[in-house]
């Protein structure tokens, strides 16, 4: 389903003139889609873009959800914020 990774990367390179891209799979858990499917799509896009002469530095980080301590910290902040707002009402 749109937007396709290849199209987004192509636009970032050609329109925004970006030379280094870090793709962060935005998933709350490191499941198959985050650890295999998305990195494979990015690798495929990297190859196609290179064939088009749009070779850039395209990196892939681990999925957002792989940093459990950071995720729990973010959840704590959201919970505390909700509690604070509820007390003010």
Protein backbone atom coordinates (compact mmCIF):
# COMPACT_ATOMS: atom_id res chain seq x y z
CA UNK A 1 0.00 0.00 0.00
CA UNK A 2 1.26 3.50 -0.78
CA UNK A 3 3.49 5.17 0.04
CA UNK A 4 5.98 2.63 -1.23
CA UNK A 5 9.44 2.62 0.33
CA UNK A 6 11.16 2.99 -3.06
CA UNK A 7 9.02 6.01 -3.97
CA UNK A 8 9.61 7.70 -0.64
CA UNK A 9 13.36 7.14 -0.81
CA UNK A 10 13.49 8.38 -4.41
CA UNK A 11 11.63 11.56 -3.45
CA UNK A 12 13.86 12.20 -0.46
CA UNK A 13 16.93 11.85 -2.67
CA UNK A 14 15.72 13.79 -5.71
CA UNK A 15 13.45 16.43 -4.22
CA UNK A 16 15.05 17.06 -0.84
CA UNK A 17 18.61 16.38 -2.10
CA UNK A 18 19.38 14.21 0.93
CA UNK A 19 22.63 12.25 0.70
CA UNK A 20 22.37 10.13 3.85
CA UNK A 21 19.19 8.38 4.98
CA UNK A 22 18.60 6.36 8.13
CA UNK A 23 15.45 4.25 7.94
CA UNK A 24 13.98 3.42 11.35
CA UNK A 25 11.36 0.64 11.22
CA UNK A 26 8.59 2.12 13.32
CA UNK A 27 7.25 -1.00 15.01
CA UNK A 28 6.60 -1.60 18.69
CA UNK A 29 8.04 -5.10 18.60
CA UNK A 30 10.86 -6.68 16.61
CA UNK A 31 8.64 -9.06 14.64
CA UNK A 32 9.24 -10.49 11.19
CA UNK A 33 7.96 -7.43 9.36
CA UNK A 34 10.38 -5.15 11.23
CA UNK A 35 13.37 -7.49 11.17
CA UNK A 36 13.05 -9.09 7.72
CA UNK A 37 10.42 -7.63 5.39
CA UNK A 38 11.17 -3.92 5.74
CA UNK A 39 14.98 -4.30 5.66
CA UNK A 40 14.62 -6.46 2.52
CA UNK A 41 12.40 -3.84 0.86
CA UNK A 42 14.95 -1.16 1.70
CA UNK A 43 17.82 -3.28 0.34
CA UNK A 44 15.84 -3.87 -2.86
CA UNK A 45 15.12 -0.14 -3.16
CA UNK A 46 18.80 0.65 -2.58
CA UNK A 47 19.73 -1.58 -5.53
CA UNK A 48 17.10 -0.09 -7.85
CA UNK A 49 18.09 3.46 -6.91
CA UNK A 50 21.75 2.62 -7.57
CA UNK A 51 20.78 1.36 -11.04
CA UNK A 52 18.99 4.70 -11.59
CA UNK A 53 22.16 6.56 -10.63
CA UNK A 54 20.69 7.66 -7.32
CA UNK A 55 23.17 5.84 -5.14
CA UNK A 56 23.06 7.25 -1.65
CA UNK A 57 24.02 6.22 1.83
CA UNK A 58 20.85 4.41 2.98
CA UNK A 59 21.11 2.77 6.38
CA UNK A 60 18.59 0.74 8.38
CA UNK A 61 18.42 0.84 12.16
CA UNK A 62 16.85 -1.75 14.41
CA UNK A 63 13.10 -1.43 14.94
CA UNK A 64 11.92 1.17 17.42
CA UNK A 65 10.52 -1.54 19.70
CA UNK A 66 13.88 -3.25 20.13
CA UNK A 67 14.90 -0.61 22.68
CA UNK A 68 12.62 -1.84 25.46
CA UNK A 69 14.01 0.40 28.21
CA UNK A 70 13.49 3.50 26.07
CA UNK A 71 9.98 2.37 25.15
CA UNK A 72 9.09 1.78 28.82
CA UNK A 73 10.47 5.21 29.66
CA UNK A 74 8.26 6.77 26.99
CA UNK A 75 5.22 4.89 28.31
CA UNK A 76 6.01 6.14 31.84
CA UNK A 77 6.14 9.73 30.58
CA UNK A 78 2.77 9.33 28.83
CA UNK A 79 1.15 7.75 31.90
CA UNK A 80 2.49 10.48 34.19
CA UNK A 81 1.29 13.14 31.77
CA UNK A 82 -2.21 11.64 31.65
CA UNK A 83 -2.33 11.44 35.45
CA UNK A 84 -1.17 15.06 35.78
CA UNK A 85 -3.82 16.23 33.31
CA UNK A 86 -6.52 14.26 35.12
CA UNK A 87 -5.56 15.87 38.45
CA UNK A 88 -5.83 19.37 36.92
CA UNK A 89 -9.37 18.75 35.66
